[in-house]
Protein backbone atom coordinates (compact mmCIF):
# COMPACT_ATOMS: atom_id res chain seq x y z
CA MET A 1 29.52 3.77 -7.05
CA GLN A 2 28.97 5.38 -3.70
CA SER A 3 25.58 6.65 -2.68
CA LEU A 4 24.59 10.32 -2.51
CA ARG A 5 24.70 10.25 1.27
CA GLU A 6 28.19 8.86 1.35
CA VAL A 7 29.54 11.25 -1.16
CA SER A 8 27.90 14.07 0.73
CA GLN A 9 29.70 12.96 3.91
CA ALA A 10 32.96 12.76 1.99
CA LEU A 11 32.50 16.35 0.80
CA ARG A 12 31.86 17.47 4.32
CA LYS A 13 34.85 15.82 5.65
CA GLY A 14 37.17 17.24 2.92
CA LEU A 15 37.94 13.65 1.42
CA LEU A 16 36.44 14.85 -1.83
CA ASP A 17 35.80 18.23 -3.51
CA PRO A 18 32.83 19.27 -5.64
CA VAL A 19 35.03 20.13 -8.76
CA GLN A 20 36.60 16.70 -8.82
CA LEU A 21 33.26 15.11 -8.30
CA CYS A 22 31.75 17.01 -11.05
CA GLU A 23 34.62 16.11 -13.44
CA ASN A 24 34.05 12.48 -12.60
CA CYS A 25 30.46 12.60 -13.47
CA LEU A 26 31.09 14.46 -16.68
CA GLN A 27 33.64 12.01 -17.77
CA ILE A 28 31.20 9.11 -17.06
CA ALA A 29 28.51 11.12 -19.21
CA ALA A 30 31.00 11.50 -22.03
CA ARG A 31 32.34 7.96 -21.89
CA THR A 32 28.84 6.34 -21.89
CA LYS A 33 27.35 8.45 -24.88
CA LYS A 34 26.27 5.21 -26.59
CA CYS A 35 23.61 4.78 -23.83
CA ASN A 36 22.29 8.18 -25.09
CA ALA A 37 20.90 9.08 -21.56
CA PHE A 38 21.47 12.80 -22.22
CA VAL A 39 19.99 15.26 -24.79
CA LYS A 40 22.35 17.97 -23.44
CA ILE A 41 25.33 17.88 -21.15
CA THR A 42 25.58 21.22 -19.37
CA ALA A 43 29.41 20.94 -18.69
CA SER A 44 30.04 24.63 -18.46
CA VAL A 45 27.04 25.21 -16.04
CA ALA A 46 28.13 22.20 -14.03
CA ARG A 47 31.79 23.41 -13.61
CA LYS A 48 30.71 26.79 -12.70
CA GLU A 49 28.22 25.58 -10.04
CA ALA A 50 30.86 22.99 -8.74
CA LEU A 51 33.46 25.73 -8.33
CA CYS A 52 30.86 27.79 -6.27
CA SER A 53 30.24 24.90 -4.27
CA LEU A 54 33.90 24.38 -3.56
CA GLN A 55 34.25 28.04 -2.35
CA ARG A 56 31.45 27.48 0.16
CA TYR A 57 33.06 24.23 1.47
CA LYS A 58 36.44 26.23 1.89
CA ARG A 59 34.61 28.92 3.84
CA GLU A 60 32.54 26.28 5.74
CA LYS A 61 29.35 27.86 4.51
CA PHE A 62 28.03 24.95 2.45
CA LEU A 63 24.30 24.86 1.91
CA GLY A 64 23.64 21.26 3.14
CA PRO A 65 23.75 17.62 2.09
CA LEU A 66 23.12 18.31 -1.62
CA ASP A 67 25.80 20.98 -1.96
CA GLY A 68 28.05 19.92 -4.78
CA ILE A 69 26.11 16.84 -5.68
CA PRO A 70 25.76 16.19 -9.46
CA ILE A 71 22.17 15.83 -10.60
CA ALA A 72 20.24 15.38 -14.00
CA ILE A 73 16.88 16.76 -15.06
CA LYS A 74 14.47 15.05 -17.54
CA ASP A 75 13.99 17.34 -20.52
CA ASN A 76 10.41 18.07 -19.85
CA PHE A 77 11.25 20.32 -16.80
CA ASN A 78 11.78 23.99 -17.65
CA ILE A 79 15.22 25.49 -16.82
CA LYS A 80 15.80 29.12 -17.53
CA GLY A 81 18.28 29.75 -20.27
CA LEU A 82 18.33 26.10 -21.54
CA THR A 83 16.27 24.45 -24.13
CA THR A 84 13.27 22.28 -23.05
CA THR A 85 12.61 19.97 -26.03
CA CYS A 86 10.45 17.22 -24.54
CA ALA A 87 12.36 15.13 -27.15
CA SER A 88 10.06 16.49 -29.84
CA ASN A 89 10.53 18.45 -33.05
CA MET A 90 7.63 20.77 -31.77
CA LEU A 91 9.98 22.21 -29.05
CA ARG A 92 13.46 21.44 -30.48
CA ASN A 93 14.52 25.10 -30.25
CA TYR A 94 12.37 26.28 -27.40
CA GLU A 95 14.31 28.09 -24.65
CA SER A 96 12.78 28.13 -21.19
CA PRO A 97 11.95 31.63 -19.80
CA TYR A 98 11.77 30.27 -16.17
CA THR A 99 12.82 27.31 -14.00
CA ALA A 100 10.45 24.71 -12.72
CA THR A 101 9.98 24.86 -8.90
CA VAL A 102 11.23 21.44 -8.05
CA VAL A 103 14.40 22.19 -10.23
CA LYS A 104 14.81 25.50 -8.55
CA ARG A 105 14.76 23.85 -5.08
CA LEU A 106 17.30 21.49 -6.04
CA LEU A 107 19.69 24.02 -7.46
CA SER A 108 19.17 26.29 -4.51
CA SER A 109 20.38 23.55 -2.29
CA GLY A 110 23.64 23.57 -4.14
CA SER A 111 23.27 20.72 -6.59
CA VAL A 112 25.22 20.74 -9.75
CA LEU A 113 23.38 20.26 -12.95
CA VAL A 114 25.29 17.92 -15.34
CA GLY A 115 22.53 17.78 -18.06
CA LYS A 116 19.01 17.20 -19.28
CA THR A 117 18.00 13.75 -19.87
CA ASN A 118 16.39 11.82 -22.94
CA MET A 119 12.90 10.61 -22.95
CA ASP A 120 9.96 9.46 -25.04
CA GLU A 121 8.47 12.31 -27.00
CA PHE A 122 6.28 14.38 -24.63
CA ALA A 123 6.56 11.49 -22.11
CA MET A 124 4.23 9.24 -24.13
CA GLY A 125 6.02 5.91 -24.06
CA THR A 126 7.26 3.00 -21.94
CA GLY A 127 10.67 2.45 -23.66
CA SER A 128 12.35 5.77 -24.06
CA VAL A 129 12.75 4.96 -27.76
CA ASP A 130 10.46 7.55 -29.31
CA SER A 131 12.71 10.50 -29.03
CA ILE A 132 14.03 12.75 -31.77
CA PHE A 133 17.49 12.25 -30.26
CA GLY A 134 17.31 8.41 -30.58
CA ALA A 135 16.55 5.52 -28.24
CA VAL A 136 18.09 5.36 -24.81
CA ARG A 137 19.95 2.14 -24.18
CA ASN A 138 19.77 0.10 -21.06
CA PRO A 139 23.24 0.04 -19.52
CA TRP A 140 22.69 -3.45 -18.16
CA SER A 141 22.85 -4.77 -21.78
CA TYR A 142 24.70 -2.13 -23.65
CA HIS A 143 27.98 -1.41 -22.09
CA SER A 144 30.09 1.71 -22.37
CA ASN A 145 33.21 -0.15 -23.52
CA ASP A 146 31.51 -1.74 -26.43
CA GLU A 147 33.36 -0.68 -29.55
CA ARG A 148 30.47 -0.92 -31.94
CA ASP A 149 28.87 2.29 -33.22
CA SER A 150 25.68 2.68 -31.32
CA ASN A 151 23.94 3.88 -34.47
CA ASP A 152 24.71 0.63 -36.32
CA SER A 153 23.22 -1.64 -33.66
CA ASP A 154 19.82 -2.40 -32.19
CA ASP A 155 21.29 -5.18 -30.01
CA PHE A 156 20.32 -3.64 -26.78
CA ALA A 157 17.51 -3.77 -24.12
CA VAL A 158 15.18 -0.89 -23.70
CA CYS A 159 15.31 1.06 -20.42
CA GLY A 160 11.60 1.71 -19.74
CA GLY A 161 9.83 5.06 -20.19
CA SER A 162 9.16 7.62 -20.44
CA SER A 163 11.98 8.89 -18.09
CA GLY A 164 14.47 6.41 -19.28
CA GLY A 165 17.35 8.92 -19.69
CA SER A 166 17.12 9.85 -16.07
CA ALA A 167 17.08 6.23 -14.85
CA VAL A 168 20.20 5.35 -17.04
CA ALA A 169 22.04 8.51 -15.89
CA VAL A 170 21.78 7.41 -12.30
CA ALA A 171 22.51 3.66 -13.07
CA LEU A 172 25.70 4.66 -14.92
CA GLY A 173 26.89 6.96 -12.26
CA ALA A 174 26.67 10.18 -14.34
CA CYS A 175 24.87 11.77 -11.55
CA PHE A 176 23.66 10.84 -8.07
CA ALA A 177 19.98 11.75 -8.41
CA ALA A 178 17.79 12.80 -11.30
CA LEU A 179 14.22 14.04 -11.70
CA GLY A 180 11.70 12.40 -13.97
CA SER A 181 7.92 12.69 -14.37
CA ASP A 182 5.36 9.99 -13.59
CA SER A 183 1.84 9.95 -15.22
CA GLY A 184 1.31 6.29 -15.43
CA GLY A 185 4.57 4.70 -14.32
CA SER A 186 7.13 6.79 -16.09
CA THR A 187 9.60 6.86 -13.07
CA ARG A 188 8.92 3.47 -11.56
CA SER A 189 8.99 1.47 -14.80
CA PRO A 190 12.58 2.72 -15.96
CA ALA A 191 13.72 2.41 -12.33
CA ALA A 192 12.80 -1.14 -12.29
CA LEU A 193 14.36 -2.00 -15.69
CA CYS A 194 17.60 -0.16 -14.95
CA GLY A 195 18.11 -1.37 -11.45
CA VAL A 196 17.64 1.94 -9.50
CA VAL A 197 15.22 3.38 -7.03
CA GLY A 198 12.17 5.26 -8.44
CA LEU A 199 9.92 7.27 -6.17
CA LYS A 200 6.45 8.54 -7.29
CA PRO A 201 5.20 10.76 -4.43
CA THR A 202 1.61 11.48 -3.52
CA TYR A 203 -0.17 13.72 -6.06
CA GLY A 204 0.15 17.29 -4.75
CA LEU A 205 3.12 16.75 -2.58
CA LEU A 206 5.57 18.07 -5.23
CA SER A 207 5.01 21.15 -7.36
CA ARG A 208 4.16 20.58 -11.06
CA HIS A 209 4.94 24.21 -11.85
CA GLY A 210 7.37 24.21 -14.83
CA LEU A 211 6.78 20.51 -15.73
CA VAL A 212 5.42 20.45 -19.29
CA PRO A 213 1.99 18.98 -18.74
CA LEU A 214 0.95 15.73 -20.20
CA VAL A 215 -2.01 14.57 -17.99
CA ASN A 216 -2.55 17.37 -15.37
CA SER A 217 -4.71 15.17 -13.15
CA MET A 218 -2.09 12.51 -12.81
CA ASP A 219 1.49 14.04 -13.53
CA VAL A 220 3.80 13.89 -10.71
CA PRO A 221 7.55 14.74 -10.50
CA GLY A 222 9.47 11.50 -9.89
CA ILE A 223 12.84 10.90 -8.18
CA PHE A 224 15.58 8.56 -9.31
CA THR A 225 18.50 7.54 -6.95
CA LYS A 226 20.76 4.60 -6.17
CA THR A 227 19.40 3.94 -2.72
CA VAL A 228 16.27 4.40 -0.80
CA ASP A 229 17.99 6.76 1.80
CA ASP A 230 19.05 9.01 -1.12
CA ALA A 231 15.39 9.25 -2.38
CA ALA A 232 14.25 10.27 1.02
CA LEU A 233 17.01 12.85 1.19
CA ILE A 234 15.89 14.43 -2.10
CA LEU A 235 12.18 14.36 -1.08
CA VAL A 236 12.07 15.90 2.32
CA LYS A 237 13.45 18.59 4.47
CA TYR A 238 16.60 17.03 5.94
CA SER A 239 17.69 17.96 9.44
CA ASP A 240 21.31 17.02 10.31
CA PHE A 241 23.12 19.02 12.97
CA PHE A 242 23.05 22.72 11.74
CA PHE A 243 21.01 22.17 8.60
CA LEU A 244 17.40 22.35 7.91
CA VAL A 245 17.36 22.29 4.15
CA CYS A 246 14.12 22.76 2.17
CA LEU A 247 14.07 20.15 -0.55
CA LEU A 248 11.32 19.15 -3.04
CA ALA A 249 8.25 18.44 -0.91
CA GLY A 250 5.90 21.20 0.14
CA HIS A 251 3.36 23.74 -1.02
CA ASP A 252 4.05 25.95 -4.03
CA VAL A 253 1.98 29.14 -4.57
CA ARG A 254 2.54 28.65 -8.36
CA ASP A 255 0.83 25.37 -8.40
CA SER A 256 -2.76 25.28 -7.07
CA THR A 257 -2.78 21.43 -6.98
CA THR A 258 -0.01 21.28 -4.30
CA VAL A 259 -1.37 20.48 -0.89
CA PRO A 260 -1.32 23.62 1.33
CA ASP A 261 -0.66 21.68 4.71
CA LYS A 262 2.77 21.98 6.06
CA PHE A 263 4.98 19.04 5.18
CA ILE A 264 6.48 17.48 8.28
CA PRO A 265 10.12 16.49 7.62
CA PHE A 266 11.51 13.05 8.42
CA ASN A 267 14.51 10.79 8.58
CA LEU A 268 14.48 7.17 7.86
CA PRO A 269 15.28 4.95 10.78
CA ASP A 270 18.51 2.75 10.79
CA ARG A 271 16.79 -0.02 12.93
CA ILE A 272 13.58 -1.05 11.15
CA ASP A 273 11.04 -3.30 12.87
CA LEU A 274 8.33 -4.86 10.63
CA LYS A 275 6.38 -6.56 13.44
CA GLY A 276 2.71 -5.61 13.28
CA LEU A 277 2.89 -4.38 9.59
CA ARG A 278 0.25 -5.85 7.23
CA ILE A 279 1.50 -6.25 3.65
CA GLY A 280 -1.23 -6.65 0.96
CA ILE A 281 -0.70 -8.88 -2.02
CA PRO A 282 -3.36 -7.93 -4.53
CA ARG A 283 -4.74 -10.82 -6.36
CA GLU A 284 -5.60 -9.00 -9.52
CA PHE A 285 -2.03 -8.18 -10.22
CA TYR A 286 -1.21 -11.74 -11.08
CA CYS A 287 -1.81 -12.07 -14.75
CA GLU A 288 -0.93 -14.45 -17.56
CA ARG A 289 1.39 -11.98 -19.28
CA MET A 290 3.65 -11.73 -16.14
CA ASN A 291 7.15 -13.07 -16.61
CA SER A 292 8.14 -16.12 -14.32
CA ASP A 293 11.22 -14.29 -13.18
CA VAL A 294 9.03 -11.28 -12.01
CA ILE A 295 6.83 -13.84 -10.06
CA ASP A 296 9.97 -15.38 -8.51
CA ALA A 297 11.13 -11.99 -7.40
CA TRP A 298 7.69 -11.11 -6.10
CA HIS A 299 7.67 -14.24 -3.86
CA ALA A 300 11.24 -13.72 -2.73
CA ALA A 301 10.56 -10.19 -1.56
CA ALA A 302 7.28 -11.19 0.18
CA ASN A 303 9.21 -14.02 2.04
CA VAL A 304 11.85 -11.47 3.15
CA LEU A 305 9.10 -9.24 4.60
CA GLU A 306 7.33 -12.04 6.24
CA LEU A 307 10.53 -13.35 7.84
CA GLY A 308 11.12 -9.80 9.11
CA GLY A 309 7.81 -9.97 11.01
CA ALA A 310 5.29 -8.49 8.67
CA ARG A 311 1.95 -10.21 8.11
CA LEU A 312 1.08 -11.04 4.42
CA VAL A 313 -2.53 -10.77 3.51
CA SER A 314 -4.34 -11.38 0.26
CA VAL A 315 -6.44 -8.35 -0.92
CA SER A 316 -8.63 -7.58 -3.85
CA LEU A 317 -8.60 -4.38 -6.12
CA PRO A 318 -11.57 -5.57 -8.37
CA HIS A 319 -11.57 -2.66 -10.76
CA THR A 320 -7.84 -3.09 -11.72
CA ARG A 321 -8.90 -5.01 -14.68
CA HIS A 322 -10.56 -1.84 -16.22
CA SER A 323 -7.67 0.49 -15.33
CA ILE A 324 -5.64 0.30 -18.76
CA ALA A 325 -8.84 1.20 -20.70
CA CYS A 326 -9.80 3.86 -18.26
CA TYR A 327 -6.39 5.41 -18.19
CA SER A 328 -6.04 5.40 -21.94
CA VAL A 329 -9.19 7.47 -22.30
CA LEU A 330 -8.35 9.97 -19.69
CA ASN A 331 -4.81 10.27 -20.83
CA CYS A 332 -5.96 10.94 -24.43
CA CYS A 333 -8.58 13.50 -23.43
CA GLU A 334 -6.04 15.51 -21.43
CA VAL A 335 -3.44 15.25 -24.03
CA ALA A 336 -5.94 16.70 -26.60
CA SER A 337 -6.75 19.54 -24.24
CA ASN A 338 -3.21 20.35 -23.31
CA PHE A 339 -1.64 20.11 -26.64
CA ALA A 340 -3.98 22.53 -28.40
CA ARG A 341 -1.45 25.20 -27.39
CA TYR A 342 1.09 23.78 -29.80
CA ASP A 343 -0.45 25.62 -32.91
CA GLY A 344 2.67 26.92 -34.68
CA ILE A 345 2.00 30.50 -33.78
CA GLU A 346 2.88 31.34 -30.29
CA PHE A 347 5.95 29.20 -29.86
CA GLY A 348 7.37 26.01 -30.90
CA PHE A 349 7.67 24.58 -34.43
CA ARG A 350 6.11 26.65 -37.09
CA ALA A 351 5.49 25.10 -40.63
CA SER A 352 6.04 26.97 -43.93
CA LYS A 353 2.46 26.80 -45.20
CA GLU A 354 0.83 30.13 -44.41
CA GLU A 355 -1.90 30.42 -47.05
CA SER A 356 -4.39 29.92 -44.28
CA THR A 357 -4.53 29.61 -40.55
CA GLU A 358 -5.83 26.07 -40.91
CA ALA A 359 -3.10 24.99 -43.13
CA LEU A 360 -0.54 26.43 -40.77
CA TYR A 361 -2.02 24.57 -37.85
CA ALA A 362 -2.27 21.27 -39.70
CA GLU A 363 1.20 21.30 -41.10
CA SER A 364 2.85 22.55 -37.78
CA ARG A 365 1.29 19.76 -35.83
CA HIS A 366 1.86 17.19 -38.44
CA TYR A 367 5.59 17.73 -38.61
CA GLY A 368 5.94 18.88 -34.99
CA PHE A 369 4.59 15.67 -33.53
CA ASN A 370 5.38 11.98 -33.99
CA ASP A 371 2.79 9.34 -34.67
CA VAL A 372 2.16 8.44 -31.05
CA VAL A 373 1.36 12.07 -30.14
CA ARG A 374 -0.89 12.63 -32.99
CA GLU A 375 -2.83 9.47 -32.32
CA ARG A 376 -3.49 10.45 -28.80
CA ILE A 377 -4.62 13.91 -29.79
CA LEU A 378 -6.99 12.47 -32.40
CA ALA A 379 -8.45 9.79 -29.98
CA GLY A 380 -8.73 12.54 -27.28
CA ASN A 381 -10.71 14.89 -29.48
CA TYR A 382 -12.84 11.97 -30.52
CA PHE A 383 -13.64 10.94 -26.81
CA LEU A 384 -14.61 14.57 -26.04
CA LEU A 385 -17.01 15.02 -29.00
CA LYS A 386 -20.46 15.92 -27.55
CA ARG A 387 -21.94 12.62 -28.80
CA GLN A 388 -19.14 10.60 -27.22
CA TYR A 389 -18.52 12.53 -24.07
CA GLU A 390 -20.88 10.69 -21.81
CA LYS A 391 -19.82 7.22 -23.20
CA TYR A 392 -16.11 7.59 -22.89
CA PHE A 393 -14.89 10.55 -20.87
CA LYS A 394 -17.56 10.66 -18.14
CA THR A 395 -17.57 6.72 -17.89
CA ALA A 396 -13.73 6.81 -17.56
CA LEU A 397 -13.97 9.28 -14.76
CA LYS A 398 -16.53 7.07 -12.82
CA VAL A 399 -14.18 3.97 -13.34
CA ARG A 400 -11.27 6.03 -11.96
CA ARG A 401 -13.31 6.80 -8.92
CA LEU A 402 -14.10 3.09 -8.26
CA ILE A 403 -10.18 2.35 -8.81
CA SER A 404 -9.46 4.98 -6.14
CA GLU A 405 -12.22 3.55 -3.83
CA ASP A 406 -10.57 0.08 -4.16
CA TYR A 407 -7.32 1.36 -2.70
CA ALA A 408 -9.13 3.34 0.10
CA LYS A 409 -11.03 0.15 1.11
CA VAL A 410 -7.93 -1.84 1.39
CA PHE A 411 -6.07 0.69 3.39
CA ASP A 412 -9.02 1.40 5.70
CA GLY A 413 -9.28 -2.21 6.24
CA GLY A 414 -6.01 -2.40 8.02
CA VAL A 415 -3.46 -3.05 5.25
CA ASP A 416 -0.46 -0.76 5.69
CA VAL A 417 1.31 -1.21 2.38
CA LEU A 418 0.77 -3.14 -0.94
CA LEU A 419 3.58 -5.16 -2.56
CA THR A 420 3.30 -5.70 -6.41
CA PRO A 421 5.58 -6.02 -9.33
CA THR A 422 6.45 -2.80 -11.02
CA THR A 423 6.58 -4.27 -14.62
CA LEU A 424 5.44 -7.53 -16.01
CA SER A 425 8.71 -8.45 -17.44
CA GLU A 426 12.37 -7.68 -17.48
CA ALA A 427 13.64 -5.15 -20.11
CA GLN A 428 12.82 -6.26 -23.64
CA SER A 429 15.24 -6.12 -26.57
CA PHE A 430 14.83 -3.16 -28.76
CA LYS A 431 14.11 -5.51 -31.75
CA ASP A 432 11.22 -7.23 -29.92
CA PHE A 433 10.07 -3.85 -28.53
CA SER A 434 9.80 -2.19 -31.94
CA LEU A 435 7.55 -4.74 -33.32
CA LYS A 436 4.67 -3.77 -31.05
CA HIS A 437 2.45 -0.73 -31.01
CA ASN A 438 2.74 1.92 -28.33
CA ARG A 439 -0.71 1.01 -27.04
CA GLU A 440 0.54 -2.58 -26.46
CA HIS A 441 3.57 -1.49 -24.55
CA VAL A 442 1.42 0.66 -22.35
CA ALA A 443 -1.02 -2.17 -21.60
CA LEU A 444 1.95 -4.45 -20.77
CA GLN A 445 4.37 -2.39 -18.77
CA ASP A 446 2.05 0.06 -17.13
CA PHE A 447 -0.43 -2.58 -15.90
CA CYS A 448 0.96 -2.38 -12.20
CA THR A 449 1.70 1.24 -12.15
CA GLN A 450 -0.86 3.38 -13.78
CA PRO A 451 -3.68 2.59 -11.24
CA VAL A 452 -1.66 4.35 -8.66
CA ASN A 453 -1.57 7.50 -10.56
CA MET A 454 -5.32 7.46 -10.96
CA ALA A 455 -5.63 7.04 -7.21
CA GLY A 456 -3.09 9.77 -6.59
CA ILE A 457 -1.23 7.66 -3.95
CA PRO A 458 2.58 7.22 -3.48
CA ALA A 459 4.60 4.24 -4.74
CA ILE A 460 8.31 3.38 -4.99
CA SER A 461 10.11 0.72 -7.10
CA ILE A 462 12.97 -1.08 -5.49
CA PRO A 463 15.39 -3.22 -7.35
CA ILE A 464 15.16 -6.78 -6.08
CA GLN A 465 17.18 -9.20 -8.22
CA LEU A 466 18.45 -10.11 -11.61
CA SER A 467 16.54 -12.22 -14.15
CA ARG A 468 17.98 -15.24 -15.74
CA ASN A 469 19.18 -12.89 -18.51
CA ASN A 470 21.04 -10.73 -15.85
CA LEU A 471 18.63 -7.91 -16.21
CA PRO A 472 17.07 -5.98 -13.29
CA ILE A 473 13.67 -6.73 -11.76
CA GLY A 474 12.06 -4.32 -9.59
CA LEU A 475 9.09 -4.52 -7.24
CA GLN A 476 6.65 -1.74 -6.06
CA LEU A 477 5.48 -0.70 -2.61
CA ILE A 478 2.32 1.30 -2.55
CA SER A 479 0.80 3.07 0.46
CA ASN A 480 -2.06 5.39 1.35
CA TYR A 481 -1.79 9.31 0.86
CA PHE A 482 1.19 11.01 2.17
CA GLN A 483 2.64 7.78 3.71
CA GLU A 484 6.00 8.26 1.91
CA LYS A 485 7.95 7.66 5.05
CA LEU A 486 6.30 4.21 5.41
CA ILE A 487 7.21 2.98 1.97
CA LEU A 488 10.53 4.45 2.12
CA THR A 489 11.16 2.71 5.41
CA ILE A 490 10.09 -0.64 4.27
CA GLY A 491 11.94 -0.14 0.98
CA LYS A 492 15.04 0.55 2.86
CA TYR A 493 14.48 -2.77 4.81
CA LEU A 494 14.06 -4.70 1.59
CA GLU A 495 17.03 -2.99 0.00
CA ARG A 496 19.32 -4.08 2.83
CA GLU A 497 18.00 -7.68 2.83
CA VAL A 498 18.16 -8.39 -0.84
CA CYS A 499 21.52 -6.72 -1.49
CA PHE A 500 20.79 -5.96 -5.19
CA PRO A 501 24.04 -5.80 -7.14
CA LYS A 502 24.85 -2.24 -8.45
CA LEU A 503 26.15 -1.70 -12.10
CA ASN A 504 29.12 0.40 -10.84
């Protein structure tokens, strides 16, 4: 499969037209339904947008490098006129009255929406298996030409979560870019397990307006693409000859958490020199649960960077060992607060019991949410009780501050970028995955990713190599605030050197 940039150039040269490109992606989406990447394929919308794009190309008034490019959106972003379910019974029939800012910016650039993607219910998971629409299947282990009925087989690998549908859609070639969300690794983890690029920008660089909130202080829209160059193209204003196209990054008056400073556009260099760069290897990220294939990939990537002229230095992030517990408390507290709005009265699922307001609340929330969501709400309400507030919530805030300061000290000490695994293992089989509790999966697969969200800094997952079982392994590059260009540039260098095999 060609990259987004290559397809964009082909469209501009007339070697390909948007309608043909759209039909190709819709055919792939239909042919690979067993992977269950989409909760809704918006074929009629896509065809209409592709036709409009074709007319612009014929008049030579196309909108820029994304005009006519098929994209997909995780189903926790609002899009006016479409349902936004968050893969939950609570919002199964909820039709969005407005469009999220980042989606609006993509569509205004001429992108073609092929569908909304599957996910863990309300983004609370690491496998994309807790959806009312069924589990998403990792395409590296579950191929589209398999004749078995997907409903009769659990012989597949999970794809990571919670944005697994978006990662799978890109890996399959059903779209050239997709949006996910990232509160503790929900973009980077599925990117690593599905062999695609997953970018989590600095908190506040992209608008959260229209993203259904999970953890307000950590939620960030994430970007999935086939290549690092494509991720940069989606993120920034892209200047190319006659175009200066505003894409995702930048202030939004509808989101007070976005940074008001003007975002400076950039292009990634073709010639990359790593000399003088200091790459930090955090000691605390080595742990006994880490798979040997992941360790081998980590060493291999570190050697590639060192041979390229970078200097490797061992660094310490001492409070990392507390990050899972800290994240769990803060996540549950914000979930309890955010999810109070789902009461069965104003919108969403409404139960039949109406003998009292309390009974209506209880039944609506019981049948509207799955076990994972209910557990987090209950735990959050417990942590926020007056007698527990200091012990749990305030203590977790203090630990979060210490975790952020760890990163600040490392970067202030002269380290440019950190290199870590993204996940501790390759994709697990669904059979093995289903035997463990959601909390166990978070502790295992979010170990390397969620401290980044608590610090609010940017990170990107790059596919590096295949495991002994021929499943993808990804590594993570982490940098200081607003250093997206740096991690994208180093990621591009790694991508070139390792030549990771593509699924298509």
